[in-house]
Amino acid sequence: MERREHERLPVRQVQAHEVDHSLPYRVMNVSKTGCFLETRQPMGEVESAIAFELPLPAGADSLTLAARIVWRDADPEREQSGWLGYGLSFNGIDRISELILDAYVEFLKRDLHVAQLEEAWFKLKKVHEKIELLIAYEEKKAASFLH
């Protein structure tokens, strides 16, 4: 059962975070109240308060938020690959930061929709290619029958 009040949205630009080594973590998903991230360095104990820098898209400045570590992921596969997972809850967000975070969440919603459209477009292109091959095959068959 989902305990979260707000929808978690995937951050598709994970690869961009890996290229930019300025942050020691990569944000995997975000909601209006928190996020999940992966890091190669321990961030602290559960219930620890931290200052968290949320990278924003398109070269915009990052958003610094007060956060609390609410859980640590104990996934053995993730740990074997050298990554640690943490769930963060944002605390005491000021009005300006809240507006920026809301805009970012809306951006992620649109980005998720675009990803779904891209997937549908890819599938449609594959179906179109198969239809083109079937038509060419049928035309070739008909041409050999007529000659």
N, C-alpha and C. Protein backbone atom coordinates (compact mmCIF):
# COMPACT_ATOMS: atom_id res chain seq x y z
N MET A 1 0.83 -1.17 0.00
CA MET A 1 0.00 0.00 0.00
C MET A 1 0.88 1.25 0.00
N GLU A 2 0.57 2.21 -0.87
CA GLU A 2 1.33 3.45 -1.00
C GLU A 2 1.04 4.36 0.19
N ARG A 3 2.08 4.76 0.92
CA ARG A 3 1.93 5.62 2.08
C ARG A 3 2.16 7.08 1.74
N ARG A 4 2.57 7.35 0.54
CA ARG A 4 2.92 8.72 0.19
C ARG A 4 1.69 9.51 -0.21
N GLU A 5 1.71 10.77 0.20
CA GLU A 5 0.59 11.66 -0.10
C GLU A 5 0.65 12.16 -1.53
N HIS A 6 1.87 12.35 -2.05
CA HIS A 6 2.06 12.91 -3.38
C HIS A 6 2.76 11.90 -4.30
N GLU A 7 2.40 11.98 -5.57
CA GLU A 7 2.96 11.09 -6.59
C GLU A 7 4.47 11.31 -6.72
N ARG A 8 5.21 10.19 -6.76
CA ARG A 8 6.65 10.26 -7.03
C ARG A 8 6.85 10.23 -8.53
N LEU A 9 7.65 11.11 -9.04
CA LEU A 9 7.88 11.21 -10.48
C LEU A 9 9.33 10.90 -10.80
N PRO A 10 9.56 10.02 -11.78
CA PRO A 10 10.94 9.67 -12.11
C PRO A 10 11.68 10.84 -12.73
N VAL A 11 12.97 10.90 -12.45
CA VAL A 11 13.84 11.90 -13.04
C VAL A 11 14.58 11.18 -14.16
N ARG A 12 14.20 11.47 -15.41
CA ARG A 12 14.77 10.75 -16.55
C ARG A 12 16.18 11.21 -16.88
N GLN A 13 16.62 12.33 -16.39
CA GLN A 13 17.93 12.85 -16.73
C GLN A 13 19.00 12.31 -15.79
N VAL A 14 18.84 11.08 -15.31
CA VAL A 14 19.79 10.48 -14.38
C VAL A 14 21.19 10.47 -15.00
N GLN A 15 21.29 10.13 -16.27
CA GLN A 15 22.59 10.05 -16.91
C GLN A 15 23.30 11.40 -16.88
N ALA A 16 22.56 12.48 -17.00
CA ALA A 16 23.17 13.80 -16.96
C ALA A 16 23.80 14.05 -15.59
N HIS A 17 23.15 13.56 -14.52
CA HIS A 17 23.71 13.74 -13.19
C HIS A 17 25.01 12.95 -13.04
N GLU A 18 25.09 11.80 -13.69
CA GLU A 18 26.30 10.99 -13.57
C GLU A 18 27.48 11.67 -14.27
N VAL A 19 27.20 12.38 -15.35
CA VAL A 19 28.26 13.07 -16.06
C VAL A 19 28.74 14.27 -15.24
N ASP A 20 27.80 14.95 -14.59
CA ASP A 20 28.14 16.11 -13.76
C ASP A 20 28.51 15.62 -12.37
N HIS A 21 29.80 15.58 -12.09
CA HIS A 21 30.26 15.03 -10.82
C HIS A 21 30.26 16.07 -9.70
N SER A 22 29.56 17.19 -9.90
CA SER A 22 29.54 18.21 -8.86
C SER A 22 28.71 17.77 -7.66
N LEU A 23 27.77 16.85 -7.86
CA LEU A 23 26.96 16.32 -6.76
C LEU A 23 27.35 14.87 -6.50
N PRO A 24 27.44 14.48 -5.24
CA PRO A 24 27.83 13.10 -4.93
C PRO A 24 26.67 12.11 -4.97
N TYR A 25 25.55 12.49 -5.57
CA TYR A 25 24.39 11.61 -5.63
C TYR A 25 23.62 11.87 -6.93
N ARG A 26 22.69 10.96 -7.21
CA ARG A 26 21.80 11.14 -8.35
C ARG A 26 20.37 10.97 -7.85
N VAL A 27 19.52 11.90 -8.21
CA VAL A 27 18.13 11.89 -7.79
C VAL A 27 17.36 10.99 -8.75
N MET A 28 16.65 10.01 -8.20
CA MET A 28 15.93 9.03 -9.02
C MET A 28 14.46 9.39 -9.20
N ASN A 29 13.82 9.91 -8.13
CA ASN A 29 12.44 10.37 -8.25
C ASN A 29 12.19 11.47 -7.24
N VAL A 30 11.15 12.28 -7.53
CA VAL A 30 10.84 13.45 -6.71
C VAL A 30 9.34 13.56 -6.55
N SER A 31 8.91 14.02 -5.39
CA SER A 31 7.52 14.41 -5.17
C SER A 31 7.54 15.80 -4.54
N LYS A 32 6.37 16.32 -4.22
CA LYS A 32 6.32 17.64 -3.58
C LYS A 32 6.85 17.62 -2.16
N THR A 33 6.98 16.43 -1.59
CA THR A 33 7.38 16.35 -0.18
C THR A 33 8.69 15.61 0.06
N GLY A 34 9.28 15.03 -0.98
CA GLY A 34 10.52 14.30 -0.76
C GLY A 34 11.08 13.73 -2.05
N CYS A 35 12.09 12.89 -1.90
CA CYS A 35 12.72 12.29 -3.07
C CYS A 35 13.44 11.00 -2.67
N PHE A 36 13.83 10.25 -3.69
CA PHE A 36 14.68 9.08 -3.51
C PHE A 36 15.95 9.35 -4.30
N LEU A 37 17.09 9.07 -3.70
CA LEU A 37 18.35 9.28 -4.40
C LEU A 37 19.29 8.12 -4.16
N GLU A 38 20.28 8.03 -5.03
CA GLU A 38 21.35 7.05 -4.90
C GLU A 38 22.66 7.80 -4.76
N THR A 39 23.54 7.26 -3.94
CA THR A 39 24.84 7.87 -3.73
C THR A 39 25.87 6.77 -3.48
N ARG A 40 27.10 7.08 -3.74
CA ARG A 40 28.19 6.13 -3.45
C ARG A 40 28.78 6.38 -2.07
N GLN A 41 28.36 7.47 -1.42
CA GLN A 41 28.88 7.83 -0.10
C GLN A 41 27.73 7.83 0.90
N PRO A 42 27.94 7.30 2.09
CA PRO A 42 26.88 7.37 3.11
C PRO A 42 26.49 8.82 3.39
N MET A 43 25.19 9.07 3.55
CA MET A 43 24.69 10.43 3.78
C MET A 43 24.43 10.71 5.25
N GLY A 44 24.27 9.66 6.03
CA GLY A 44 23.96 9.85 7.44
C GLY A 44 22.99 8.79 7.90
N GLU A 45 22.63 8.88 9.16
CA GLU A 45 21.70 7.93 9.76
C GLU A 45 20.26 8.34 9.46
N VAL A 46 19.34 7.37 9.53
CA VAL A 46 17.92 7.65 9.39
C VAL A 46 17.54 8.65 10.49
N GLU A 47 16.70 9.60 10.13
CA GLU A 47 16.24 10.71 10.99
C GLU A 47 17.23 11.87 11.04
N SER A 48 18.38 11.75 10.37
CA SER A 48 19.34 12.86 10.32
C SER A 48 18.79 13.99 9.46
N ALA A 49 19.05 15.21 9.88
CA ALA A 49 18.70 16.39 9.09
C ALA A 49 19.89 16.73 8.19
N ILE A 50 19.60 17.05 6.94
CA ILE A 50 20.66 17.41 5.99
C ILE A 50 20.20 18.59 5.14
N ALA A 51 21.13 19.28 4.55
CA ALA A 51 20.84 20.27 3.51
C ALA A 51 20.97 19.52 2.19
N PHE A 52 19.94 19.58 1.39
CA PHE A 52 19.89 18.80 0.15
C PHE A 52 19.82 19.75 -1.03
N GLU A 53 20.65 19.47 -2.03
CA GLU A 53 20.68 20.28 -3.24
C GLU A 53 19.98 19.51 -4.36
N LEU A 54 18.82 19.98 -4.78
CA LEU A 54 18.03 19.33 -5.83
C LEU A 54 18.43 19.94 -7.17
N PRO A 55 19.07 19.15 -8.05
CA PRO A 55 19.45 19.68 -9.36
C PRO A 55 18.19 19.94 -10.20
N LEU A 56 18.15 21.07 -10.87
CA LEU A 56 17.02 21.43 -11.72
C LEU A 56 17.42 21.29 -13.18
N PRO A 57 16.45 21.11 -14.07
CA PRO A 57 16.77 20.85 -15.48
C PRO A 57 17.25 22.09 -16.24
N ALA A 58 17.79 21.81 -17.39
CA ALA A 58 18.17 22.83 -18.38
C ALA A 58 19.16 23.85 -17.84
N GLY A 59 20.10 23.40 -17.03
CA GLY A 59 21.15 24.28 -16.56
C GLY A 59 20.71 25.31 -15.53
N ALA A 60 19.49 25.19 -15.02
CA ALA A 60 19.04 26.11 -13.98
C ALA A 60 19.82 25.82 -12.70
N ASP A 61 19.88 26.82 -11.83
CA ASP A 61 20.53 26.60 -10.54
C ASP A 61 19.81 25.49 -9.79
N SER A 62 20.51 24.87 -8.88
CA SER A 62 19.87 23.84 -8.06
C SER A 62 19.09 24.51 -6.94
N LEU A 63 18.22 23.75 -6.32
CA LEU A 63 17.38 24.24 -5.24
C LEU A 63 17.86 23.59 -3.94
N THR A 64 18.27 24.41 -2.98
CA THR A 64 18.75 23.88 -1.71
C THR A 64 17.56 23.80 -0.74
N LEU A 65 17.35 22.59 -0.21
CA LEU A 65 16.22 22.33 0.68
C LEU A 65 16.70 21.66 1.95
N ALA A 66 16.03 21.96 3.04
CA ALA A 66 16.27 21.22 4.28
C ALA A 66 15.53 19.90 4.14
N ALA A 67 16.19 18.82 4.50
CA ALA A 67 15.57 17.50 4.36
C ALA A 67 15.95 16.64 5.56
N ARG A 68 15.21 15.55 5.67
CA ARG A 68 15.46 14.57 6.73
C ARG A 68 15.53 13.21 6.05
N ILE A 69 16.52 12.41 6.42
CA ILE A 69 16.61 11.04 5.90
C ILE A 69 15.54 10.22 6.61
N VAL A 70 14.58 9.70 5.84
CA VAL A 70 13.48 8.96 6.45
C VAL A 70 13.67 7.45 6.33
N TRP A 71 14.44 7.02 5.35
CA TRP A 71 14.75 5.60 5.25
C TRP A 71 15.99 5.40 4.39
N ARG A 72 16.62 4.25 4.60
CA ARG A 72 17.78 3.85 3.81
C ARG A 72 17.42 2.54 3.15
N ASP A 73 17.63 2.46 1.85
CA ASP A 73 17.32 1.26 1.09
C ASP A 73 18.39 0.21 1.35
N ALA A 74 17.95 -0.98 1.67
CA ALA A 74 18.89 -2.07 1.94
C ALA A 74 18.88 -3.09 0.81
N ASP A 75 18.82 -2.62 -0.43
CA ASP A 75 18.81 -3.49 -1.59
C ASP A 75 20.22 -4.04 -1.83
N PRO A 76 20.43 -5.36 -1.66
CA PRO A 76 21.78 -5.93 -1.82
C PRO A 76 22.35 -5.73 -3.22
N GLU A 77 21.50 -5.78 -4.25
CA GLU A 77 21.98 -5.58 -5.62
C GLU A 77 22.53 -4.17 -5.81
N ARG A 78 21.80 -3.18 -5.28
CA ARG A 78 22.25 -1.80 -5.38
C ARG A 78 23.58 -1.63 -4.64
N GLU A 79 23.66 -2.19 -3.45
CA GLU A 79 24.89 -2.06 -2.65
C GLU A 79 26.06 -2.75 -3.32
N GLN A 80 25.82 -3.92 -3.96
CA GLN A 80 26.90 -4.62 -4.66
C GLN A 80 27.45 -3.78 -5.80
N SER A 81 26.57 -2.97 -6.42
CA SER A 81 27.03 -2.11 -7.51
C SER A 81 27.67 -0.83 -6.99
N GLY A 82 27.75 -0.68 -5.66
CA GLY A 82 28.42 0.47 -5.08
C GLY A 82 27.51 1.64 -4.75
N TRP A 83 26.19 1.48 -4.90
CA TRP A 83 25.26 2.57 -4.65
C TRP A 83 24.48 2.33 -3.37
N LEU A 84 24.18 3.40 -2.66
CA LEU A 84 23.31 3.37 -1.48
C LEU A 84 22.07 4.18 -1.82
N GLY A 85 20.91 3.73 -1.38
CA GLY A 85 19.67 4.45 -1.65
C GLY A 85 19.11 5.09 -0.40
N TYR A 86 18.62 6.32 -0.54
CA TYR A 86 18.05 7.05 0.60
C TYR A 86 16.73 7.70 0.20
N GLY A 87 15.77 7.64 1.12
CA GLY A 87 14.53 8.37 0.97
C GLY A 87 14.60 9.61 1.84
N LEU A 88 14.33 10.77 1.24
CA LEU A 88 14.39 12.03 1.96
C LEU A 88 13.01 12.67 2.02
N SER A 89 12.76 13.35 3.11
CA SER A 89 11.55 14.15 3.28
C SER A 89 11.98 15.60 3.39
N PHE A 90 11.35 16.48 2.60
CA PHE A 90 11.70 17.89 2.66
C PHE A 90 11.04 18.51 3.88
N ASN A 91 11.77 19.40 4.57
CA ASN A 91 11.27 20.03 5.80
C ASN A 91 11.32 21.54 5.70
N GLY A 92 10.30 22.21 6.20
CA GLY A 92 10.32 23.66 6.34
C GLY A 92 10.67 24.42 5.08
N ILE A 93 9.99 24.11 3.99
CA ILE A 93 10.28 24.77 2.71
C ILE A 93 9.66 26.16 2.71
N ASP A 94 10.47 27.18 2.36
CA ASP A 94 9.93 28.54 2.27
C ASP A 94 9.06 28.67 1.01
N ARG A 95 8.28 29.73 0.93
CA ARG A 95 7.30 29.91 -0.15
C ARG A 95 7.95 29.92 -1.54
N ILE A 96 9.06 30.60 -1.70
CA ILE A 96 9.73 30.67 -3.01
C ILE A 96 10.22 29.28 -3.41
N SER A 97 10.86 28.58 -2.49
CA SER A 97 11.34 27.22 -2.79
C SER A 97 10.18 26.29 -3.10
N GLU A 98 9.07 26.47 -2.40
CA GLU A 98 7.89 25.65 -2.66
C GLU A 98 7.36 25.88 -4.08
N LEU A 99 7.34 27.13 -4.52
CA LEU A 99 6.89 27.43 -5.88
C LEU A 99 7.84 26.82 -6.92
N ILE A 100 9.14 26.91 -6.66
CA ILE A 100 10.12 26.32 -7.58
C ILE A 100 9.95 24.81 -7.61
N LEU A 101 9.78 24.19 -6.44
CA LEU A 101 9.59 22.74 -6.37
C LEU A 101 8.31 22.33 -7.09
N ASP A 102 7.23 23.08 -6.91
CA ASP A 102 5.97 22.79 -7.61
C ASP A 102 6.16 22.85 -9.12
N ALA A 103 6.89 23.87 -9.59
CA ALA A 103 7.14 24.00 -11.03
C ALA A 103 7.98 22.83 -11.53
N TYR A 104 8.95 22.40 -10.73
CA TYR A 104 9.79 21.25 -11.12
C TYR A 104 8.96 19.97 -11.19
N VAL A 105 8.08 19.77 -10.22
CA VAL A 105 7.21 18.59 -10.23
C VAL A 105 6.31 18.60 -11.47
N GLU A 106 5.78 19.77 -11.83
CA GLU A 106 4.97 19.87 -13.05
C GLU A 106 5.80 19.57 -14.29
N PHE A 107 7.06 20.03 -14.30
CA PHE A 107 7.98 19.71 -15.40
C PHE A 107 8.16 18.19 -15.50
N LEU A 108 8.36 17.52 -14.35
CA LEU A 108 8.55 16.07 -14.35
C LEU A 108 7.29 15.34 -14.84
N LYS A 109 6.11 15.86 -14.52
CA LYS A 109 4.87 15.27 -15.02
C LYS A 109 4.82 15.35 -16.55
N ARG A 110 5.16 16.52 -17.09
CA ARG A 110 5.17 16.66 -18.55
C ARG A 110 6.25 15.78 -19.17
N ASP A 111 7.41 15.70 -18.51
CA ASP A 111 8.50 14.87 -19.01
C ASP A 111 8.10 13.40 -19.05
N LEU A 112 7.37 12.95 -18.04
CA LEU A 112 6.88 11.58 -18.01
C LEU A 112 5.89 11.34 -19.14
N HIS A 113 5.04 12.31 -19.40
CA HIS A 113 4.09 12.20 -20.51
C HIS A 113 4.83 12.12 -21.84
N VAL A 114 5.86 12.95 -22.00
CA VAL A 114 6.67 12.92 -23.23
C VAL A 114 7.33 11.55 -23.39
N ALA A 115 7.82 10.98 -22.29
CA ALA A 115 8.45 9.66 -22.35
C ALA A 115 7.45 8.61 -22.82
N GLN A 116 6.22 8.70 -22.34
CA GLN A 116 5.19 7.75 -22.77
C GLN A 116 4.86 7.94 -24.24
N LEU A 117 4.81 9.19 -24.70
CA LEU A 117 4.57 9.45 -26.11
C LEU A 117 5.72 8.93 -26.97
N GLU A 118 6.96 9.11 -26.49
CA GLU A 118 8.12 8.61 -27.23
C GLU A 118 8.06 7.10 -27.38
N GLU A 119 7.66 6.42 -26.30
CA GLU A 119 7.54 4.96 -26.35
C GLU A 119 6.45 4.54 -27.33
N ALA A 120 5.31 5.22 -27.30
CA ALA A 120 4.21 4.91 -28.22
C ALA A 120 4.65 5.17 -29.66
N TRP A 121 5.36 6.27 -29.90
CA TRP A 121 5.84 6.60 -31.24
C TRP A 121 6.81 5.53 -31.74
N PHE A 122 7.69 5.06 -30.88
CA PHE A 122 8.65 4.02 -31.25
C PHE A 122 7.90 2.75 -31.65
N LYS A 123 6.91 2.35 -30.86
CA LYS A 123 6.13 1.16 -31.17
C LYS A 123 5.37 1.33 -32.48
N LEU A 124 4.82 2.51 -32.70
CA LEU A 124 4.10 2.79 -33.94
C LEU A 124 5.03 2.69 -35.14
N LYS A 125 6.25 3.21 -35.01
CA LYS A 125 7.22 3.12 -36.10
C LYS A 125 7.56 1.66 -36.42
N LYS A 126 7.70 0.84 -35.38
CA LYS A 126 8.00 -0.59 -35.59
C LYS A 126 6.86 -1.28 -36.33
N VAL A 127 5.62 -0.99 -35.94
CA VAL A 127 4.45 -1.57 -36.61
C VAL A 127 4.42 -1.11 -38.07
N HIS A 128 4.70 0.18 -38.29
CA HIS A 128 4.70 0.71 -39.65
C HIS A 128 5.75 0.00 -40.51
N GLU A 129 6.94 -0.23 -39.96
CA GLU A 129 7.99 -0.94 -40.69
C GLU A 129 7.56 -2.35 -41.05
N LYS A 130 6.90 -3.04 -40.13
CA LYS A 130 6.42 -4.40 -40.40
C LYS A 130 5.37 -4.39 -41.49
N ILE A 131 4.47 -3.42 -41.45
CA ILE A 131 3.44 -3.31 -42.49
C ILE A 131 4.08 -3.06 -43.84
N GLU A 132 5.07 -2.17 -43.87
CA GLU A 132 5.79 -1.89 -45.13
C GLU A 132 6.44 -3.16 -45.69
N LEU A 133 7.06 -3.96 -44.81
CA LEU A 133 7.68 -5.21 -45.26
C LEU A 133 6.63 -6.19 -45.79
N LEU A 134 5.50 -6.29 -45.10
CA LEU A 134 4.44 -7.19 -45.56
C LEU A 134 3.88 -6.74 -46.90
N ILE A 135 3.71 -5.44 -47.08
CA ILE A 135 3.22 -4.92 -48.37
C ILE A 135 4.22 -5.23 -49.47
N ALA A 136 5.51 -5.00 -49.21
CA ALA A 136 6.54 -5.27 -50.21
C ALA A 136 6.56 -6.76 -50.56
N TYR A 137 6.42 -7.61 -49.55
CA TYR A 137 6.40 -9.06 -49.78
C TYR A 137 5.20 -9.45 -50.64
N GLU A 138 4.04 -8.92 -50.30
CA GLU A 138 2.82 -9.23 -51.06
C GLU A 138 2.92 -8.72 -52.49
N GLU A 139 3.49 -7.53 -52.68
CA GLU A 139 3.67 -6.98 -54.04
C GLU A 139 4.62 -7.85 -54.85
N LYS A 140 5.68 -8.33 -54.20
CA LYS A 140 6.66 -9.18 -54.89
C LYS A 140 5.99 -10.49 -55.28
N LYS A 141 5.20 -11.04 -54.37
CA LYS A 141 4.48 -12.29 -54.64
C LYS A 141 3.51 -12.11 -55.80
N ALA A 142 2.78 -10.99 -55.79
CA ALA A 142 1.80 -10.72 -56.84
C ALA A 142 2.51 -10.51 -58.17
N ALA A 143 3.65 -9.83 -58.17
CA ALA A 143 4.39 -9.56 -59.42
C ALA A 143 4.90 -10.85 -60.01
N SER A 144 5.38 -11.79 -59.19
CA SER A 144 5.88 -13.06 -59.72
C SER A 144 4.73 -13.93 -60.23
N PHE A 145 3.57 -13.76 -59.67
CA PHE A 145 2.39 -14.52 -60.10
C PHE A 145 1.89 -14.03 -61.45
N LEU A 146 2.01 -12.71 -61.68
CA LEU A 146 1.54 -12.12 -62.93
C LEU A 146 2.46 -12.36 -64.10
N HIS A 147 3.71 -12.67 -63.85
CA HIS A 147 4.67 -12.86 -64.94
C HIS A 147 4.83 -14.27 -65.31
